[in-house]
PDB file of N, CA and C in Angstrom:
ATOM      1  N   MET A   1       1.852   3.018  -3.433  1.00  0.00           N
ATOM      2  CA  MET A   1       3.122   3.184  -2.140  1.00  0.00           C
ATOM      3  C   MET A   1       2.641   2.969  -0.826  1.00  0.00           C
ATOM      4  N   ALA A   2       3.152   1.652  -0.355  1.00  0.00           N
ATOM      5  CA  ALA A   2       2.786   1.287   0.680  1.00  0.00           C
ATOM      6  C   ALA A   2       3.371   2.149   1.855  1.00  0.00           C
ATOM      7  N   THR A   3       2.306   2.622   2.726  1.00  0.00           N
ATOM      8  CA  THR A   3       2.836   3.305   4.005  1.00  0.00           C
ATOM      9  C   THR A   3       3.399   2.424   5.099  1.00  0.00           C
ATOM     10  N   ALA A   4       3.696   3.044   6.673  1.00  0.00           N
ATOM     11  CA  ALA A   4       4.116   2.276   7.604  1.00  0.00           C
ATOM     12  C   ALA A   4       3.479   2.951   8.866  1.00  0.00           C
ATOM     13  N   PRO A   5       2.854   2.727   9.535  1.00  0.00           N
ATOM     14  CA  PRO A   5       3.001   3.415  10.582  1.00  0.00           C
ATOM     15  C   PRO A   5       3.796   4.042  11.443  1.00  0.00           C
ATOM     16  N   THR A   6       4.034   4.846  11.970  1.00  0.00           N
ATOM     17  CA  THR A   6       5.060   5.666  12.799  1.00  0.00           C
ATOM     18  C   THR A   6       4.414   6.628  13.859  1.00  0.00           C
ATOM     19  N   GLN A   7       5.396   6.407  14.935  1.00  0.00           N
ATOM     20  CA  GLN A   7       4.362   7.142  16.094  1.00  0.00           C
ATOM     21  C   GLN A   7       5.353   7.717  16.813  1.00  0.00           C
ATOM     22  N   ILE A   8       5.415   9.260  16.880  1.00  0.00           N
ATOM     23  CA  ILE A   8       6.073  10.371  17.587  1.00  0.00           C
ATOM     24  C   ILE A   8       5.682  11.058  18.605  1.00  0.00           C
ATOM     25  N   ARG A   9       6.371  11.389  19.425  1.00  0.00           N
ATOM     26  CA  ARG A   9       6.092  12.393  20.433  1.00  0.00           C
ATOM     27  C   ARG A   9       6.043  13.805  19.943  1.00  0.00           C
ATOM     28  N   VAL A  10       5.089  14.685  20.606  1.00  0.00           N
ATOM     29  CA  VAL A  10       5.136  16.099  20.435  1.00  0.00           C
ATOM     30  C   VAL A  10       4.486  16.351  21.475  1.00  0.00           C
ATOM     31  N   GLU A  11       4.816  17.900  21.944  1.00  0.00           N
ATOM     32  CA  GLU A  11       4.030  18.494  22.996  1.00  0.00           C
ATOM     33  C   GLU A  11       2.707  18.818  22.269  1.00  0.00           C
ATOM     34  N   GLU A  12       1.920  18.706  23.415  1.00  0.00           N
ATOM     35  CA  GLU A  12      -0.005  18.654  23.309  1.00  0.00           C
ATOM     36  C   GLU A  12       0.089  19.771  22.854  1.00  0.00           C
ATOM     37  N   ASN A  13       0.434  20.699  22.955  1.00  0.00           N
ATOM     38  CA  ASN A  13       0.376  22.882  22.621  1.00  0.00           C
ATOM     39  C   ASN A  13       0.997  22.780  21.226  1.00  0.00           C
ATOM     40  N   THR A  14       2.211  22.244  21.050  1.00  0.00           N
ATOM     41  CA  THR A  14       2.502  22.364  19.796  1.00  0.00           C
ATOM     42  C   THR A  14       1.556  21.758  18.613  1.00  0.00           C
ATOM     43  N   LYS A  15       1.610  20.551  19.369  1.00  0.00           N
ATOM     44  CA  LYS A  15       0.948  19.559  18.524  1.00  0.00           C
ATOM     45  C   LYS A  15      -0.864  20.219  17.692  1.00  0.00           C
ATOM     46  N   LYS A  16      -1.118  20.869  18.766  1.00  0.00           N
ATOM     47  CA  LYS A  16      -2.687  21.620  18.606  1.00  0.00           C
ATOM     48  C   LYS A  16      -2.733  22.947  17.407  1.00  0.00           C
ATOM     49  N   ILE A  17      -1.329  23.478  18.175  1.00  0.00           N
ATOM     50  CA  ILE A  17      -1.109  25.098  17.076  1.00  0.00           C
ATOM     51  C   ILE A  17      -0.962  24.416  15.610  1.00  0.00           C
ATOM     52  N   ALA A  18       0.301  23.682  15.393  1.00  0.00           N
ATOM     53  CA  ALA A  18       0.549  23.034  14.405  1.00  0.00           C
ATOM     54  C   ALA A  18      -0.597  22.868  13.358  1.00  0.00           C
ATOM     55  N   VAL A  19      -1.412  21.903  14.191  1.00  0.00           N
ATOM     56  CA  VAL A  19      -2.810  20.940  13.309  1.00  0.00           C
ATOM     57  C   VAL A  19      -3.706  22.068  13.168  1.00  0.00           C
ATOM     58  N   GLU A  20      -4.072  22.786  13.780  1.00  0.00           N
ATOM     59  CA  GLU A  20      -5.175  24.269  13.368  1.00  0.00           C
ATOM     60  C   GLU A  20      -3.932  25.266  12.296  1.00  0.00           C
ATOM     61  N   LEU A  21      -2.865  25.740  12.397  1.00  0.00           N
ATOM     62  CA  LEU A  21      -2.320  26.052  10.970  1.00  0.00           C
ATOM     63  C   LEU A  21      -2.523  25.323   9.952  1.00  0.00           C
ATOM     64  N   LEU A  22      -2.276  23.597  10.016  1.00  0.00           N
ATOM     65  CA  LEU A  22      -1.973  23.113   9.030  1.00  0.00           C
ATOM     66  C   LEU A  22      -3.440  22.902   8.493  1.00  0.00           C
ATOM     67  N   GLU A  23      -4.245  22.389   8.980  1.00  0.00           N
ATOM     68  CA  GLU A  23      -5.693  23.030   8.112  1.00  0.00           C
ATOM     69  C   GLU A  23      -5.775  23.872   7.666  1.00  0.00           C
ATOM     70  N   GLY A  24      -5.285  25.025   8.357  1.00  0.00           N
ATOM     71  CA  GLY A  24      -5.664  26.462   7.228  1.00  0.00           C
ATOM     72  C   GLY A  24      -5.156  26.502   5.712  1.00  0.00           C
ATOM     73  N   LEU A  25      -4.108  25.397   5.787  1.00  0.00           N
ATOM     74  CA  LEU A  25      -3.312  25.279   4.515  1.00  0.00           C
ATOM     75  C   LEU A  25      -4.008  24.021   3.695  1.00  0.00           C
ATOM     76  N   GLY A  26      -4.840  23.376   4.170  1.00  0.00           N
ATOM     77  CA  GLY A  26      -5.326  22.375   3.409  1.00  0.00           C
ATOM     78  C   GLY A  26      -4.677  21.129   3.858  1.00  0.00           C
ATOM     79  N   LEU A  27      -3.683  21.131   4.599  1.00  0.00           N
ATOM     80  CA  LEU A  27      -2.934  19.394   5.006  1.00  0.00           C
ATOM     81  C   LEU A  27      -3.615  19.231   6.627  1.00  0.00           C
ATOM     82  N   ASN A  28      -3.320  17.850   6.394  1.00  0.00           N
ATOM     83  CA  ASN A  28      -2.994  17.097   8.023  1.00  0.00           C
ATOM     84  C   ASN A  28      -2.114  17.186   8.365  1.00  0.00           C
ATOM     85  N   LEU A  29      -1.936  16.499   9.407  1.00  0.00           N
ATOM     86  CA  LEU A  29      -0.556  16.221  10.267  1.00  0.00           C
ATOM     87  C   LEU A  29       0.627  15.118   9.467  1.00  0.00           C
ATOM     88  N   SER A  30      -0.532  14.241   9.250  1.00  0.00           N
ATOM     89  CA  SER A  30       0.459  13.379   8.466  1.00  0.00           C
ATOM     90  C   SER A  30       0.814  13.845   6.809  1.00  0.00           C
ATOM     91  N   ASP A  31       0.172  14.528   6.015  1.00  0.00           N
ATOM     92  CA  ASP A  31       1.009  15.182   5.074  1.00  0.00           C
ATOM     93  C   ASP A  31       1.776  15.913   5.375  1.00  0.00           C
ATOM     94  N   ALA A  32       1.464  16.790   6.742  1.00  0.00           N
ATOM     95  CA  ALA A  32       2.647  17.711   6.516  1.00  0.00           C
ATOM     96  C   ALA A  32       4.138  16.672   7.022  1.00  0.00           C
ATOM     97  N   VAL A  33       3.944  15.825   7.730  1.00  0.00           N
ATOM     98  CA  VAL A  33       5.157  15.022   8.456  1.00  0.00           C
ATOM     99  C   VAL A  33       6.042  14.647   6.890  1.00  0.00           C
ATOM    100  N   ASN A  34       4.828  13.796   6.334  1.00  0.00           N
ATOM    101  CA  ASN A  34       5.669  13.222   4.759  1.00  0.00           C
ATOM    102  C   ASN A  34       6.124  14.182   3.787  1.00  0.00           C
ATOM    103  N   MET A  35       5.586  15.375   3.775  1.00  0.00           N
ATOM    104  CA  MET A  35       6.360  16.390   3.296  1.00  0.00           C
ATOM    105  C   MET A  35       7.643  17.023   3.883  1.00  0.00           C
ATOM    106  N   PHE A  36       7.902  16.998   4.918  1.00  0.00           N
ATOM    107  CA  PHE A  36       8.792  17.502   5.733  1.00  0.00           C
ATOM    108  C   PHE A  36      10.098  16.369   5.335  1.00  0.00           C
ATOM    109  N   LEU A  37       9.625  15.159   5.277  1.00  0.00           N
ATOM    110  CA  LEU A  37      10.873  13.953   5.521  1.00  0.00           C
ATOM    111  C   LEU A  37      10.868  13.879   4.040  1.00  0.00           C
ATOM    112  N   ARG A  38      10.100  13.939   3.125  1.00  0.00           N
ATOM    113  CA  ARG A  38      10.574  14.318   1.761  1.00  0.00           C
ATOM    114  C   ARG A  38      11.573  15.702   1.285  1.00  0.00           C
ATOM    115  N   GLN A  39      11.357  16.286   2.129  1.00  0.00           N
ATOM    116  CA  GLN A  39      12.138  17.688   1.972  1.00  0.00           C
ATOM    117  C   GLN A  39      13.722  17.047   2.725  1.00  0.00           C
ATOM    118  N   VAL A  40      13.767  16.779   3.073  1.00  0.00           N
ATOM    119  CA  VAL A  40      14.995  16.565   4.088  1.00  0.00           C
ATOM    120  C   VAL A  40      15.995  15.132   3.422  1.00  0.00           C
ATOM    121  N   ILE A  41      15.342  14.297   2.189  1.00  0.00           N
ATOM    122  CA  ILE A  41      15.424  13.507   1.762  1.00  0.00           C
ATOM    123  C   ILE A  41      16.097  14.133   0.333  1.00  0.00           C
ATOM    124  N   LEU A  42      15.303  15.205   0.083  1.00  0.00           N
ATOM    125  CA  LEU A  42      15.837  15.849  -1.129  1.00  0.00           C
ATOM    126  C   LEU A  42      16.858  17.018  -1.013  1.00  0.00           C
ATOM    127  N   HIS A  43      17.046  17.560   0.174  1.00  0.00           N
ATOM    128  CA  HIS A  43      18.067  18.363   1.000  1.00  0.00           C
ATOM    129  C   HIS A  43      18.892  17.423   1.544  1.00  0.00           C
ATOM    130  N   GLY A  44      18.856  16.327   1.317  1.00  0.00           N
ATOM    131  CA  GLY A  44      20.165  15.586   2.162  1.00  0.00           C
ATOM    132  C   GLY A  44      20.252  16.329   3.895  1.00  0.00           C
ATOM    133  N   GLY A  45      19.129  16.394   4.306  1.00  0.00           N
ATOM    134  CA  GLY A  45      19.020  16.890   5.589  1.00  0.00           C
ATOM    135  C   GLY A  45      18.054  18.063   6.101  1.00  0.00           C
ATOM    136  N   ILE A  46      17.892  18.710   6.947  1.00  0.00           N
ATOM    137  CA  ILE A  46      17.030  19.418   7.353  1.00  0.00           C
ATOM    138  C   ILE A  46      16.709  20.397   6.359  1.00  0.00           C
ATOM    139  N   PRO A  47      15.273  21.057   5.889  1.00  0.00           N
ATOM    140  CA  PRO A  47      15.666  21.711   4.578  1.00  0.00           C
ATOM    141  C   PRO A  47      15.321  23.061   5.074  1.00  0.00           C
ATOM    142  N   PHE A  48      15.968  23.400   6.248  1.00  0.00           N
ATOM    143  CA  PHE A  48      16.047  25.084   6.930  1.00  0.00           C
ATOM    144  C   PHE A  48      16.907  24.955   7.652  1.00  0.00           C
ATOM    145  N   GLU A  49      17.204  26.412   7.722  1.00  0.00           N
ATOM    146  CA  GLU A  49      18.577  26.657   8.810  1.00  0.00           C
ATOM    147  C   GLU A  49      17.947  26.001  10.262  1.00  0.00           C
ATOM    148  N   VAL A  50      19.145  25.576  10.836  1.00  0.00           N
ATOM    149  CA  VAL A  50      18.298  25.481  12.490  1.00  0.00           C
ATOM    150  C   VAL A  50      19.582  26.569  13.235  1.00  0.00           C
ATOM    151  N   LYS A  51      18.960  27.670  14.001  1.00  0.00           N
ATOM    152  CA  LYS A  51      19.725  28.371  14.938  1.00  0.00           C
ATOM    153  C   LYS A  51      18.963  28.914  16.115  1.00  0.00           C
ATOM    154  N   TYR A  52      20.018  29.841  17.056  1.00  0.00           N
ATOM    155  CA  TYR A  52      19.316  30.347  17.979  1.00  0.00           C
ATOM    156  C   TYR A  52      18.352  31.403  17.538  1.00  0.00           C
ATOM    157  N   PRO A  53      17.559  31.680  17.913  1.00  0.00           N
ATOM    158  CA  PRO A  53      16.973  33.250  17.602  1.00  0.00           C
ATOM    159  C   PRO A  53      17.927  34.417  17.696  1.00  0.00           C
ATOM    160  N   GLU A  54      17.331  35.573  16.785  1.00  0.00           N
ATOM    161  CA  GLU A  54      17.923  36.877  17.049  1.00  0.00           C
ATOM    162  C   GLU A  54      18.358  37.055  18.247  1.00  0.00           C
ATOM    163  N   PHE A  55      17.141  37.157  19.306  1.00  0.00           N
ATOM    164  CA  PHE A  55      17.356  37.621  20.529  1.00  0.00           C
ATOM    165  C   PHE A  55      16.693  36.462  21.392  1.00  0.00           C
ATOM    166  N   LYS A  56      17.543  36.370  22.489  1.00  0.00           N
ATOM    167  CA  LYS A  56      17.265  35.928  23.679  1.00  0.00           C
ATOM    168  C   LYS A  56      16.098  35.912  24.076  1.00  0.00           C
ATOM    169  N   PRO A  57      14.988  35.053  24.474  1.00  0.00           N
ATOM    170  CA  PRO A  57      13.812  35.013  24.989  1.00  0.00           C
ATOM    171  C   PRO A  57      13.887  36.307  26.155  1.00  0.00           C
ATOM    172  N   GLU A  58      14.799  36.384  27.055  1.00  0.00           N
ATOM    173  CA  GLU A  58      14.427  37.289  28.242  1.00  0.00           C
ATOM    174  C   GLU A  58      14.990  38.981  27.310  1.00  0.00           C
ATOM    175  N   VAL A  59      16.020  38.997  26.191  1.00  0.00           N
ATOM    176  CA  VAL A  59      16.183  40.203  25.791  1.00  0.00           C
ATOM    177  C   VAL A  59      14.772  40.335  24.904  1.00  0.00           C
ATOM    178  N   VAL A  60      14.021  39.761  24.394  1.00  0.00           N
ATOM    179  CA  VAL A  60      12.388  40.192  23.556  1.00  0.00           C
ATOM    180  C   VAL A  60      11.454  40.637  24.788  1.00  0.00           C
ATOM    181  N   GLU A  61      11.765  39.844  26.033  1.00  0.00           N
ATOM    182  CA  GLU A  61      10.586  40.389  27.336  1.00  0.00           C
ATOM    183  C   GLU A  61      10.773  41.785  27.955  1.00  0.00           C
ATOM    184  N   ALA A  62      12.332  41.928  28.441  1.00  0.00           N
ATOM    185  CA  ALA A  62      13.050  43.280  28.267  1.00  0.00           C
ATOM    186  C   ALA A  62      12.322  44.455  27.477  1.00  0.00           C
ATOM    187  N   MET A  63      12.439  43.935  26.166  1.00  0.00           N
ATOM    188  CA  MET A  63      11.888  44.818  25.115  1.00  0.00           C
ATOM    189  C   MET A  63      10.488  45.272  24.842  1.00  0.00           C
ATOM    190  N   ASP A  64       9.534  44.325  25.134  1.00  0.00           N
ATOM    191  CA  ASP A  64       8.651  44.232  25.516  1.00  0.00           C
ATOM    192  C   ASP A  64       8.040  44.967  26.416  1.00  0.00           C
ATOM    193  N   GLU A  65       8.752  45.091  27.841  1.00  0.00           N
ATOM    194  CA  GLU A  65       8.589  45.793  29.131  1.00  0.00           C
ATOM    195  C   GLU A  65       8.881  47.219  28.916  1.00  0.00           C
ATOM    196  N   ALA A  66      10.321  47.511  27.929  1.00  0.00           N
ATOM    197  CA  ALA A  66      10.399  48.888  27.844  1.00  0.00           C
ATOM    198  C   ALA A  66       9.379  49.619  26.761  1.00  0.00           C
ATOM    199  N   LYS A  67       8.537  48.756  26.178  1.00  0.00           N
ATOM    200  CA  LYS A  67       7.840  49.252  25.137  1.00  0.00           C
ATOM    201  C   LYS A  67       6.645  49.673  26.068  1.00  0.00           C
ATOM    202  N   LYS A  68       6.366  48.464  26.913  1.00  0.00           N
ATOM    203  CA  LYS A  68       4.920  49.053  27.754  1.00  0.00           C
ATOM    204  C   LYS A  68       5.033  50.301  28.646  1.00  0.00           C
ATOM    205  N   ILE A  69       6.368  50.680  28.915  1.00  0.00           N
ATOM    206  CA  ILE A  69       6.787  51.316  29.962  1.00  0.00           C
ATOM    207  C   ILE A  69       6.765  52.802  29.112  1.00  0.00           C
ATOM    208  N   SER A  70       7.102  52.932  27.572  1.00  0.00           N
ATOM    209  CA  SER A  70       6.986  53.821  26.807  1.00  0.00           C
ATOM    210  C   SER A  70       5.977  54.480  26.501  1.00  0.00           C
ATOM    211  N   ARG A  71       4.831  53.669  26.990  1.00  0.00           N
ATOM    212  CA  ARG A  71       3.414  53.944  26.692  1.00  0.00           C
ATOM    213  C   ARG A  71       2.880  54.283  27.552  1.00  0.00           C
ATOM    214  N   ASP A  72       3.101  54.067  28.787  1.00  0.00           N
ATOM    215  CA  ASP A  72       3.018  54.380  30.023  1.00  0.00           C
ATOM    216  C   ASP A  72       2.552  55.682  30.568  1.00  0.00           C
ATOM    217  N   LYS A  73       1.392  56.065  30.455  1.00  0.00           N
ATOM    218  CA  LYS A  73       1.320  57.495  30.804  1.00  0.00           C
ATOM    219  C   LYS A  73       1.453  58.023  32.250  1.00  0.00           C
ATOM    220  N   SER A  74       1.469  57.031  33.208  1.00  0.00           N
ATOM    221  CA  SER A  74       2.154  57.305  34.502  1.00  0.00           C
ATOM    222  C   SER A  74       3.273  57.504  34.734  1.00  0.00           C
ATOM    223  N   VAL A  75       4.070  56.970  33.864  1.00  0.00           N
ATOM    224  CA  VAL A  75       5.409  57.185  33.998  1.00  0.00           C
ATOM    225  C   VAL A  75       5.951  58.671  33.446  1.00  0.00           C
ATOM    226  N   LYS A  76       6.882  58.761  34.259  1.00  0.00           N
ATOM    227  CA  LYS A  76       7.170  60.340  34.430  1.00  0.00           C
ATOM    228  C   LYS A  76       8.157  60.254  32.667  1.00  0.00           C
ATOM    229  N   SER A  77       8.114  61.123  31.815  1.00  0.00           N
ATOM    230  CA  SER A  77       9.330  61.255  30.673  1.00  0.00           C
ATOM    231  C   SER A  77       9.772  62.379  30.398  1.00  0.00           C
ATOM    232  N   TYR A  78      10.828  62.991  29.817  1.00  0.00           N
ATOM    233  CA  TYR A  78      11.312  64.052  29.424  1.00  0.00           C
ATOM    234  C   TYR A  78      11.548  64.472  28.373  1.00  0.00           C
ATOM    235  N   THR A  79      11.484  65.804  28.101  1.00  0.00           N
ATOM    236  CA  THR A  79      12.216  66.244  26.104  1.00  0.00           C
ATOM    237  C   THR A  79      13.294  66.726  26.554  1.00  0.00           C
ATOM    238  N   ASP A  80      13.855  66.817  27.655  1.00  0.00           N
ATOM    239  CA  ASP A  80      15.252  67.676  27.829  1.00  0.00           C
ATOM    240  C   ASP A  80      16.149  66.599  28.637  1.00  0.00           C
ATOM    241  N   VAL A  81      16.953  66.410  27.774  1.00  0.00           N
ATOM    242  CA  VAL A  81      17.920  65.477  28.976  1.00  0.00           C
ATOM    243  C   VAL A  81      18.657  65.975  30.373  1.00  0.00           C
ATOM    244  N   LYS A  82      19.302  67.397  29.512  1.00  0.00           N
ATOM    245  CA  LYS A  82      19.775  67.612  30.949  1.00  0.00           C
ATOM    246  C   LYS A  82      18.691  68.171  32.290  1.00  0.00           C
ATOM    247  N   LYS A  83      17.235  68.529  31.902  1.00  0.00           N
ATOM    248  CA  LYS A  83      16.883  68.456  32.782  1.00  0.00           C
ATOM    249  C   LYS A  83      16.484  66.825  33.579  1.00  0.00           C
ATOM    250  N   MET A  84      16.406  65.919  32.488  1.00  0.00           N
ATOM    251  CA  MET A  84      16.136  64.633  33.330  1.00  0.00           C
ATOM    252  C   MET A  84      17.700  64.192  34.264  1.00  0.00           C
ATOM    253  N   ILE A  85      18.674  64.455  33.961  1.00  0.00           N
ATOM    254  CA  ILE A  85      19.846  64.049  34.465  1.00  0.00           C
ATOM    255  C   ILE A  85      20.179  64.791  35.548  1.00  0.00           C
ATOM    256  N   THR A  86      19.506  66.212  35.863  1.00  0.00           N
ATOM    257  CA  THR A  86      19.751  67.364  36.771  1.00  0.00           C
ATOM    258  C   THR A  86      18.464  66.335  37.972  1.00  0.00           C
ATOM    259  N   GLU A  87      17.265  65.926  37.515  1.00  0.00           N
ATOM    260  CA  GLU A  87      16.595  65.329  38.672  1.00  0.00           C
ATOM    261  C   GLU A  87      17.073  63.917  38.806  1.00  0.00           C
ATOM    262  N   ILE A  88      17.670  63.204  38.038  1.00  0.00           N
ATOM    263  CA  ILE A  88      17.749  62.158  38.766  1.00  0.00           C
ATOM    264  C   ILE A  88      19.118  61.996  39.645  1.00  0.00           C
ATOM    265  N   LEU A  89      20.187  63.356  39.341  1.00  0.00           N
ATOM    266  CA  LEU A  89      21.262  63.596  40.385  1.00  0.00           C
ATOM    267  C   LEU A  89      20.794  64.076  41.547  1.00  0.00           C
ATOM    268  N   GLU A  90      19.342  64.881  41.606  1.00  0.00           N
ATOM    269  CA  GLU A  90      18.917  65.205  43.048  1.00  0.00           C
ATOM    270  C   GLU A  90      18.448  64.152  43.329  1.00  0.00           C
ATOM    271  N   ASP A  91      17.392  63.453  42.835  1.00  0.00           N
ATOM    272  CA  ASP A  91      17.025  62.201  43.594  1.00  0.00           C
ATOM    273  C   ASP A  91      17.949  61.188  44.320  1.00  0.00           C
ATOM    274  N   GLU A  92      18.913  61.127  43.840  1.00  0.00           N
ATOM    275  CA  GLU A  92      20.173  60.207  44.600  1.00  0.00           C
ATOM    276  C   GLU A  92      21.186  61.003  45.404  1.00  0.00           C
ATOM    277  N   ALA A  93      21.040  62.601  45.632  1.00  0.00           N
ATOM    278  CA  ALA A  93      21.437  62.850  46.320  1.00  0.00           C
ATOM    279  C   ALA A  93      20.698  62.730  48.056  1.00  0.00           C
TER     280      ALA A  93
END
């Protein structure tokens, strides 16, 4: 089967990471692109669901920050909700 040279533009870091992962699977970038294009033909479109991630990046960042704070020994924590509310209200006064 004859091949046709094809040029595509890909972000440098994206390509680097993808090439490393593909090499681990025993594939090169050309083989992976050919595989993708064959799947596009077989499926009559993109062979996977294209959608926004479940959480926006800023939500994931906020969850990571909350996780870090929850593990930080210097951050005051409470086991009694009433005590926590009392102290918060005292601080606001």
